[in-house]
């Protein structure tokens, strides 16, 4: 029986449930065909899932915490690996049973935790079993110790699967000379022709790779090896030199250098509107303000927070509030908007970004925002985790024009800057 934990730290609760648990890799000019795949920013199909393996102990990485829990440029290795797959509808993470409590405490967002096995293959099989019958058709299996995987590498695998390949995996051609050695001496040379260095994520049709795991319970070095044993053709997609697997202590220093070489700046805009209804107060940017009306909405209708939340999601290219917290879900009826904003800020950090500044403008005739603007900015800074002087809240009127001028509701717009590197 596999133990699954769906964790959403940002939502303020944890849910626990138990469940029963075209080219070949072996030759040809594989990368040439794969390079022709469309690798623009892709929409991940709703039936695709990601599995991230993180149940190992990583003893070769040196003493201390297992490598997946170590900090890399201010974020855990596993957190970075999960963030790389943020666009996937389902993300399953395998953890050692003794790490489950750590995972629930540290990981946020719609991530399902599965207790791993004694081997990597055992862990992957447990994750695959958890997805059977869940409407998943394809799965990408990724090493949690590869935190620098790029969207291009992931999109290459997804594109190959979407084009009909039953299996696909990124790799790099071997370019160095190869030797055989014994007792510190070279004993022979070996041809590098047709040899590739395997990477992850490795993608498969779910039913095919699950059948391969069941047919070979002894396991293998990776899932491509099992696919080959099962007779599946494996398409090779482009790998990336930066997609290194953290194995030795010096690998962490190399990863830090890679992260330090790039700076990614993103801007996001958000806009929201809520109509007035009967009531005696409004919530604006986390501050309760007495008023002769209230704002109408599925949640607490905090129009300022909603605009800022959407600005962050927009900068991350992760949709809007409705995508992460559907209004059709009754659990969010009357929810406090700081839940949404915290989730957006945590997602930004999981994806490697820091919030540089945020600017919110409230558009209304009444209530007067000026006396509360400082408290609003302070509250927003607390929620998104930045210094108060990096948050601005201001207001304007529409000169009595339009629905805001007629005092039928309040509008808000927000801009945010995210920085990585």
Protein backbone atom coordinates (compact mmCIF):
# COMPACT_ATOMS: atom_id res chain seq x y z
CA UNK A 1 0.00 0.00 0.00
CA UNK A 2 1.36 3.40 -0.96
CA UNK A 3 0.90 6.34 1.37
CA UNK A 4 -0.08 9.54 -0.46
CA UNK A 5 -0.17 12.99 1.06
CA UNK A 6 -1.59 15.88 -0.95
CA UNK A 7 0.04 18.91 0.60
CA UNK A 8 -0.95 22.53 0.19
CA UNK A 9 0.87 24.44 2.90
CA UNK A 10 -0.19 27.78 1.43
CA UNK A 11 -3.84 26.82 1.82
CA UNK A 12 -3.45 26.31 5.53
CA UNK A 13 -4.33 22.62 5.63
CA UNK A 14 -3.03 19.20 4.62
CA UNK A 15 -5.12 16.39 3.13
CA UNK A 16 -4.13 12.80 3.85
CA UNK A 17 -5.48 9.87 1.95
CA UNK A 18 -4.44 6.23 1.59
CA UNK A 19 -4.60 4.51 -1.78
CA UNK A 20 -3.81 0.96 -2.84
CA UNK A 21 -0.96 1.24 -4.02
CA UNK A 22 11.11 8.60 -34.61
CA UNK A 23 14.21 7.02 -33.30
CA UNK A 24 15.53 4.47 -30.84
CA UNK A 25 18.00 5.20 -28.09
CA UNK A 26 20.15 2.38 -29.43
CA UNK A 27 21.23 4.04 -32.67
CA UNK A 28 20.75 6.57 -35.46
CA UNK A 29 20.89 10.34 -35.63
CA UNK A 30 18.48 10.72 -32.71
CA UNK A 31 19.01 14.36 -31.86
CA UNK A 32 18.54 15.54 -35.42
CA UNK A 33 14.90 14.48 -35.51
CA UNK A 34 14.17 15.65 -32.00
CA UNK A 35 15.63 19.08 -32.68
CA UNK A 36 12.87 19.67 -35.23
CA UNK A 37 10.18 19.39 -32.55
CA UNK A 38 8.28 22.56 -31.71
CA UNK A 39 9.89 23.76 -28.48
CA UNK A 40 8.06 27.01 -27.89
CA UNK A 41 6.40 27.53 -24.52
CA UNK A 42 3.90 24.71 -24.34
CA UNK A 43 0.60 24.17 -22.63
CA UNK A 44 0.90 20.94 -20.67
CA UNK A 45 -2.02 18.60 -21.46
CA UNK A 46 -4.39 18.01 -18.56
CA UNK A 47 -3.71 14.26 -18.68
CA UNK A 48 0.05 14.61 -18.13
CA UNK A 49 1.69 14.24 -14.72
CA UNK A 50 5.20 14.72 -13.36
CA UNK A 51 6.92 12.36 -10.93
CA UNK A 52 9.92 13.73 -9.02
CA UNK A 53 12.06 11.17 -7.22
CA UNK A 54 13.52 12.34 -3.91
CA UNK A 55 13.54 9.28 -1.64
CA UNK A 56 17.31 8.66 -1.74
CA UNK A 57 19.87 9.57 0.89
CA UNK A 58 22.52 11.04 -1.46
CA UNK A 59 25.48 9.87 0.63
CA UNK A 60 28.00 10.68 -2.13
CA UNK A 61 27.09 14.38 -1.76
CA UNK A 62 28.79 14.46 1.64
CA UNK A 63 27.67 14.66 5.24
CA UNK A 64 24.65 16.57 6.41
CA UNK A 65 21.10 16.70 5.13
CA UNK A 66 20.15 14.51 2.16
CA UNK A 67 20.98 16.52 -0.95
CA UNK A 68 17.35 17.13 -1.92
CA UNK A 69 16.83 19.12 1.30
CA UNK A 70 19.99 21.20 1.05
CA UNK A 71 19.91 24.86 0.12
CA UNK A 72 20.94 25.91 -3.37
CA UNK A 73 21.09 29.69 -3.87
CA UNK A 74 18.52 30.25 -1.14
CA UNK A 75 16.09 27.50 -2.10
CA UNK A 76 16.09 23.76 -1.49
CA UNK A 77 17.22 21.48 -4.29
CA UNK A 78 13.86 19.69 -4.23
CA UNK A 79 11.95 22.98 -4.19
CA UNK A 80 13.72 24.05 -7.37
CA UNK A 81 13.03 20.71 -9.05
CA UNK A 82 9.33 20.91 -8.19
CA UNK A 83 9.10 24.52 -9.39
CA UNK A 84 10.42 23.48 -12.82
CA UNK A 85 7.20 21.48 -13.32
CA UNK A 86 4.80 24.11 -11.97
CA UNK A 87 2.73 24.01 -15.18
CA UNK A 88 1.80 20.35 -14.71
CA UNK A 89 -1.72 19.58 -13.44
CA UNK A 90 -0.35 16.79 -11.22
CA UNK A 91 3.03 16.61 -9.50
CA UNK A 92 3.90 13.50 -7.49
CA UNK A 93 6.99 13.56 -5.26
CA UNK A 94 8.47 10.37 -3.81
CA UNK A 95 10.03 10.74 -0.37
CA UNK A 96 11.59 8.36 2.11
CA UNK A 97 8.98 7.47 4.76
CA UNK A 98 11.08 9.22 7.41
CA UNK A 99 10.98 12.44 5.32
CA UNK A 100 7.19 12.62 5.03
CA UNK A 101 6.71 15.03 7.93
CA UNK A 102 9.51 17.21 6.53
CA UNK A 103 7.81 17.19 3.14
CA UNK A 104 4.42 18.22 4.53
CA UNK A 105 6.05 21.06 6.46
CA UNK A 106 8.31 22.35 3.68
CA UNK A 107 6.50 21.80 0.39
CA UNK A 108 3.57 23.92 -0.76
CA UNK A 109 1.12 23.89 -3.59
CA UNK A 110 -0.77 21.01 -5.24
CA UNK A 111 1.93 18.39 -4.67
CA UNK A 112 1.17 14.75 -3.85
CA UNK A 113 3.71 12.98 -1.63
CA UNK A 114 4.21 9.24 -2.05
CA UNK A 115 6.27 7.04 0.26
CA UNK A 116 9.19 5.72 -1.79
CA UNK A 117 10.68 2.26 -1.83
CA UNK A 118 14.12 0.87 -1.04
CA UNK A 119 15.30 1.54 -4.61
CA UNK A 120 14.72 4.25 -7.19
CA UNK A 121 12.68 1.80 -9.29
CA UNK A 122 10.59 0.92 -6.26
CA UNK A 123 9.88 4.58 -5.61
CA UNK A 124 8.93 5.25 -9.23
CA UNK A 125 6.64 2.24 -9.31
CA UNK A 126 4.85 3.44 -6.16
CA UNK A 127 4.28 6.83 -7.81
CA UNK A 128 3.07 5.20 -11.05
CA UNK A 129 0.66 2.97 -9.12
CA UNK A 130 -0.77 6.06 -7.41
CA UNK A 131 -1.64 7.57 -10.80
CA UNK A 132 -3.31 4.49 -12.27
CA UNK A 133 -7.01 5.09 -12.79
CA UNK A 134 -6.66 8.84 -12.15
CA UNK A 135 -7.15 9.93 -15.76
CA UNK A 136 -3.42 10.32 -16.41
CA UNK A 137 -2.19 9.19 -19.83
CA UNK A 138 1.46 10.26 -19.78
CA UNK A 139 4.07 10.84 -17.12
CA UNK A 140 7.45 12.58 -16.95
CA UNK A 141 9.83 11.06 -14.40
CA UNK A 142 12.51 13.41 -13.09
CA UNK A 143 15.40 13.15 -10.64
CA UNK A 144 14.83 15.50 -7.73
CA UNK A 145 18.60 16.05 -7.72
CA UNK A 146 18.41 17.81 -11.14
CA UNK A 147 17.16 21.23 -9.97
CA UNK A 148 18.34 23.19 -13.02
CA UNK A 149 16.24 21.46 -15.67
CA UNK A 150 15.05 24.05 -18.19
CA UNK A 151 11.62 24.55 -19.78
CA UNK A 152 13.22 23.73 -23.14
CA UNK A 153 14.27 20.27 -21.94
CA UNK A 154 10.84 19.56 -20.42
CA UNK A 155 9.00 20.87 -23.49
CA UNK A 156 11.11 18.66 -25.75
CA UNK A 157 9.95 15.54 -23.93
CA UNK A 158 6.32 16.70 -23.85
CA UNK A 159 6.41 17.51 -27.57
CA UNK A 160 7.77 14.06 -28.44
CA UNK A 161 5.05 12.34 -26.41
CA UNK A 162 2.35 14.58 -27.87
CA UNK A 163 3.61 13.64 -31.36
CA UNK A 164 2.94 9.98 -30.59
CA UNK A 165 6.18 8.64 -29.11
CA UNK A 166 5.50 6.03 -26.40
CA UNK A 167 8.71 7.08 -24.64
CA UNK A 168 11.10 10.03 -24.83
CA UNK A 169 14.09 11.23 -22.86
CA UNK A 170 16.68 14.03 -23.09
CA UNK A 171 20.33 13.21 -23.68
CA UNK A 172 23.62 14.74 -24.79
CA UNK A 173 26.00 13.10 -27.26
CA UNK A 174 29.30 11.98 -25.78
CA UNK A 175 32.06 14.23 -27.13
CA UNK A 176 35.07 13.22 -25.00
CA UNK A 177 37.37 10.33 -25.82
CA UNK A 178 36.54 7.19 -23.85
CA UNK A 179 39.05 4.93 -22.12
CA UNK A 180 39.01 1.74 -20.14
CA UNK A 181 41.35 1.68 -17.17
CA UNK A 182 42.52 -0.59 -14.37
CA UNK A 183 44.92 0.01 -11.50
CA UNK A 184 45.33 3.63 -12.51
CA UNK A 185 46.39 2.86 -16.09
CA UNK A 186 44.61 3.10 -19.43
CA UNK A 187 44.04 -0.40 -20.74
CA UNK A 188 42.03 0.33 -23.89
CA UNK A 189 40.07 2.95 -25.76
CA UNK A 190 36.38 2.79 -26.61
CA UNK A 191 34.36 4.29 -29.43
CA UNK A 192 32.06 7.15 -28.52
CA UNK A 193 30.01 6.80 -31.71
CA UNK A 194 26.32 6.55 -30.97
CA UNK A 195 26.80 7.12 -27.23
CA UNK A 196 24.70 9.61 -25.26
CA UNK A 197 24.65 10.88 -21.68
CA UNK A 198 21.18 10.28 -20.27
CA UNK A 199 19.23 12.99 -18.45
CA UNK A 200 15.75 13.42 -17.02
CA UNK A 201 12.81 13.99 -17.19
CA UNK A 202 12.11 10.76 -19.03
CA UNK A 203 8.59 10.65 -20.44
CA UNK A 204 6.31 7.70 -21.12
CA UNK A 205 2.79 6.60 -21.78
CA UNK A 206 1.66 5.73 -18.25
CA UNK A 207 0.26 2.28 -19.01
CA UNK A 208 3.38 1.26 -20.93
CA UNK A 209 5.95 2.27 -18.30
CA UNK A 210 3.83 0.89 -15.46
CA UNK A 211 3.63 -2.45 -17.27
CA UNK A 212 7.42 -2.37 -17.75
CA UNK A 213 7.95 -1.80 -14.02
CA UNK A 214 5.59 -4.62 -13.12
CA UNK A 215 7.30 -6.98 -15.57
CA UNK A 216 10.77 -6.17 -14.18
CA UNK A 217 10.45 -5.76 -10.39
CA UNK A 218 14.21 -6.12 -10.06
CA UNK A 219 14.50 -2.54 -11.31
CA UNK A 220 17.07 -0.80 -13.46
CA UNK A 221 19.43 2.18 -13.52
CA UNK A 222 16.68 4.38 -14.99
CA UNK A 223 13.27 4.10 -16.57
CA UNK A 224 14.58 4.14 -20.14
CA UNK A 225 16.42 0.89 -19.39
CA UNK A 226 13.12 -0.69 -18.35
CA UNK A 227 11.42 0.71 -21.44
CA UNK A 228 14.08 -0.84 -23.68
CA UNK A 229 13.65 -4.20 -21.92
CA UNK A 230 9.93 -3.95 -22.60
CA UNK A 231 10.54 -3.25 -26.29
CA UNK A 232 9.41 0.39 -26.23
CA UNK A 233 11.01 2.70 -28.80
CA UNK A 234 12.56 5.67 -26.98
CA UNK A 235 12.86 9.02 -28.75
CA UNK A 236 15.90 11.08 -27.79
CA UNK A 237 15.18 14.77 -27.20
CA UNK A 238 17.69 17.59 -26.64
CA UNK A 239 19.42 17.69 -23.28
CA UNK A 240 21.19 20.59 -21.62
CA UNK A 241 24.68 20.83 -20.12
CA UNK A 242 23.25 22.79 -17.19
CA UNK A 243 20.80 19.98 -16.37
CA UNK A 244 23.36 18.36 -14.11
CA UNK A 245 22.58 15.80 -11.45
CA UNK A 246 23.88 16.85 -8.04
CA UNK A 247 25.94 13.84 -6.97
CA UNK A 248 29.24 15.06 -5.46
CA UNK A 249 29.91 18.00 -3.11
CA UNK A 250 31.57 19.97 -5.93
CA UNK A 251 28.37 19.74 -8.01
CA UNK A 252 26.68 22.19 -5.64
CA UNK A 253 29.37 24.79 -6.33
CA UNK A 254 28.91 24.33 -10.08
CA UNK A 255 25.14 24.70 -9.76
CA UNK A 256 25.60 27.89 -7.72
CA UNK A 257 27.80 29.30 -10.50
CA UNK A 258 25.20 28.44 -13.13
CA UNK A 259 22.45 30.13 -11.15
CA UNK A 260 24.62 33.17 -10.58
CA UNK A 261 25.32 33.67 -14.26
CA UNK A 262 21.77 34.50 -15.28
CA UNK A 263 19.32 37.20 -14.25
CA UNK A 264 15.69 36.91 -15.26
CA UNK A 265 13.43 39.94 -14.68
CA UNK A 266 9.70 39.60 -15.15
CA UNK A 267 6.83 42.11 -14.92
CA UNK A 268 3.23 41.17 -14.24
CA UNK A 269 -0.02 43.13 -14.31
CA UNK A 270 -3.28 42.34 -12.56
CA UNK A 271 -6.75 43.89 -12.75
CA UNK A 272 -9.88 43.09 -10.76
CA UNK A 273 -13.36 44.48 -10.17
CA UNK A 274 -15.96 43.78 -7.48
CA UNK A 275 -19.44 45.23 -7.23
CA UNK A 276 -20.92 46.66 -4.05
CA UNK A 277 -23.63 44.83 -2.12
CA UNK A 278 -25.30 45.29 1.25
CA UNK A 279 -22.91 45.38 4.20
CA UNK A 280 -21.04 47.53 6.68
CA UNK A 281 -17.36 47.12 5.68
CA UNK A 282 -14.99 46.28 2.85
CA UNK A 283 -11.67 44.42 2.82
CA UNK A 284 -9.01 46.24 0.82
CA UNK A 285 -5.41 45.00 0.65
CA UNK A 286 -5.91 43.01 3.84
CA UNK A 287 -7.35 45.88 5.90
CA UNK A 288 -10.96 45.97 7.13
CA UNK A 289 -12.46 49.40 6.45
CA UNK A 290 -15.89 50.47 7.77
CA UNK A 291 -18.23 51.44 4.93
CA UNK A 292 -21.94 51.60 4.23
CA UNK A 293 -21.60 48.78 1.68
CA UNK A 294 -19.63 45.55 1.21
CA UNK A 295 -17.96 44.06 -1.85
CA UNK A 296 -19.60 41.10 -3.56
CA UNK A 297 -17.47 38.07 -4.39
CA UNK A 298 -17.01 34.31 -4.03
CA UNK A 299 -14.22 34.90 -1.49
CA UNK A 300 -13.87 37.96 0.75
CA UNK A 301 -13.78 40.11 -2.43
CA UNK A 302 -10.53 41.90 -1.55
CA UNK A 303 -10.14 43.53 -4.94
CA UNK A 304 -6.65 44.88 -4.24
CA UNK A 305 -5.23 41.55 -3.13
CA UNK A 306 -6.84 39.82 -6.09
CA UNK A 307 -5.21 42.22 -8.55
CA UNK A 308 -1.80 41.76 -6.93
CA UNK A 309 -2.19 37.97 -6.84
CA UNK A 310 -3.00 37.91 -10.55
CA UNK A 311 -0.03 40.17 -11.25
CA UNK A 312 2.31 37.63 -9.64
CA UNK A 313 0.71 34.68 -11.44
CA UNK A 314 0.91 36.65 -14.67
CA UNK A 315 4.61 37.39 -14.28
CA UNK A 316 5.17 33.66 -13.75
CA UNK A 317 2.99 32.76 -16.74
CA UNK A 318 0.89 30.66 -14.35
CA UNK A 319 -2.61 31.86 -15.22
CA UNK A 320 -4.80 33.60 -12.66
CA UNK A 321 -6.51 33.00 -9.31
CA UNK A 322 -9.31 31.01 -10.91
CA UNK A 323 -6.83 28.51 -12.29
CA UNK A 324 -5.34 27.77 -8.87
CA UNK A 325 -8.47 28.31 -6.74
CA UNK A 326 -11.52 27.60 -8.93
CA UNK A 327 -14.64 29.52 -7.87
CA UNK A 328 -16.61 26.34 -8.60
CA UNK A 329 -14.88 24.71 -5.62
CA UNK A 330 -17.03 25.38 -2.53
CA UNK A 331 -14.04 25.26 -0.18
CA UNK A 332 -13.00 28.73 -1.38
CA UNK A 333 -16.38 30.38 -0.74
CA UNK A 334 -15.73 33.23 1.69
CA UNK A 335 -12.00 32.44 1.80
CA UNK A 336 -9.64 35.12 3.01
CA UNK A 337 -7.68 36.51 0.09
CA UNK A 338 -4.33 36.30 1.85
CA UNK A 339 -4.50 32.54 1.10
CA UNK A 340 -4.35 33.27 -2.62
CA UNK A 341 -1.67 35.94 -2.33
CA UNK A 342 0.57 33.79 -0.13
CA UNK A 343 0.28 30.94 -2.62
CA UNK A 344 1.29 33.19 -5.50
CA UNK A 345 4.30 34.53 -3.55
CA UNK A 346 5.37 31.01 -2.52
CA UNK A 347 5.04 29.79 -6.11
CA UNK A 348 7.28 32.64 -7.25
CA UNK A 349 9.95 31.60 -4.77
CA UNK A 350 9.59 27.93 -5.68
CA UNK A 351 10.28 28.94 -9.28
CA UNK A 352 13.40 30.78 -8.16
CA UNK A 353 12.11 34.38 -8.18
CA UNK A 354 12.18 37.09 -5.55
CA UNK A 355 9.55 39.83 -5.47
CA UNK A 356 11.40 43.09 -6.07
CA UNK A 357 8.46 45.47 -5.69
CA UNK A 358 4.68 45.65 -5.93
CA UNK A 359 2.41 48.59 -6.76
CA UNK A 360 -1.37 48.54 -6.23
CA UNK A 361 -3.83 51.22 -7.32
CA UNK A 362 -7.40 51.20 -5.99
CA UNK A 363 -10.01 52.99 -8.12
CA UNK A 364 -13.06 54.22 -6.22
CA UNK A 365 -14.90 57.31 -4.97
CA UNK A 366 -15.39 55.88 -1.50
CA UNK A 367 -14.21 54.72 0.97
CA UNK A 368 -11.22 57.02 1.21
CA UNK A 369 -8.05 54.95 0.90
CA UNK A 370 -5.43 57.51 1.92
CA UNK A 371 -5.78 57.11 5.72
CA UNK A 372 -5.32 53.33 5.37
CA UNK A 373 -2.70 53.14 2.61
CA UNK A 374 0.23 52.67 5.00
CA UNK A 375 -1.48 49.82 6.86
CA UNK A 376 -2.41 48.21 3.55
CA UNK A 377 1.16 48.33 2.27
CA UNK A 378 2.44 46.87 5.52
CA UNK A 379 -0.08 44.03 5.41
CA UNK A 380 0.75 43.19 1.80
CA UNK A 381 4.48 43.22 2.56
CA UNK A 382 3.93 40.75 5.42
CA UNK A 383 1.98 38.37 3.19
CA UNK A 384 4.39 38.35 0.23
CA UNK A 385 7.48 38.48 2.41
CA UNK A 386 9.21 41.69 1.33
CA UNK A 387 10.25 44.90 3.06
CA UNK A 388 7.43 47.46 3.45
CA UNK A 389 9.29 50.02 1.35
CA UNK A 390 8.95 47.68 -1.63
CA UNK A 391 5.14 47.85 -1.61
CA UNK A 392 3.05 50.81 -2.72
CA UNK A 393 -0.70 51.24 -2.27
CA UNK A 394 -2.41 54.31 -3.65
CA UNK A 395 -5.83 55.32 -4.87
CA UNK A 396 -7.50 57.40 -7.51
CA UNK A 397 -11.03 58.23 -8.56
CA UNK A 398 -12.57 58.02 -12.02
CA UNK A 399 -13.84 61.61 -11.81
CA UNK A 400 -17.40 60.37 -11.24
CA UNK A 401 -17.30 58.50 -14.57
CA UNK A 402 -18.24 54.87 -15.08
CA UNK A 403 -19.32 52.27 -12.53
CA UNK A 404 -16.69 53.36 -10.01
CA UNK A 405 -17.80 56.97 -10.41
CA UNK A 406 -21.38 55.92 -9.74
CA UNK A 407 -20.13 54.05 -6.64
CA UNK A 408 -21.35 50.72 -7.97
CA UNK A 409 -18.09 48.97 -7.14
CA UNK A 410 -14.32 49.18 -6.80
CA UNK A 411 -11.60 48.35 -9.34
CA UNK A 412 -7.93 47.69 -8.71
CA UNK A 413 -4.84 47.27 -10.80
CA UNK A 414 -1.44 46.01 -9.72
CA UNK A 415 2.07 45.68 -11.11
CA UNK A 416 4.81 43.45 -9.75
CA UNK A 417 8.48 42.90 -10.60
CA UNK A 418 10.07 39.47 -10.11
CA UNK A 419 13.82 38.89 -10.26
CA UNK A 420 15.74 35.63 -10.57
CA UNK A 421 19.50 35.48 -10.30
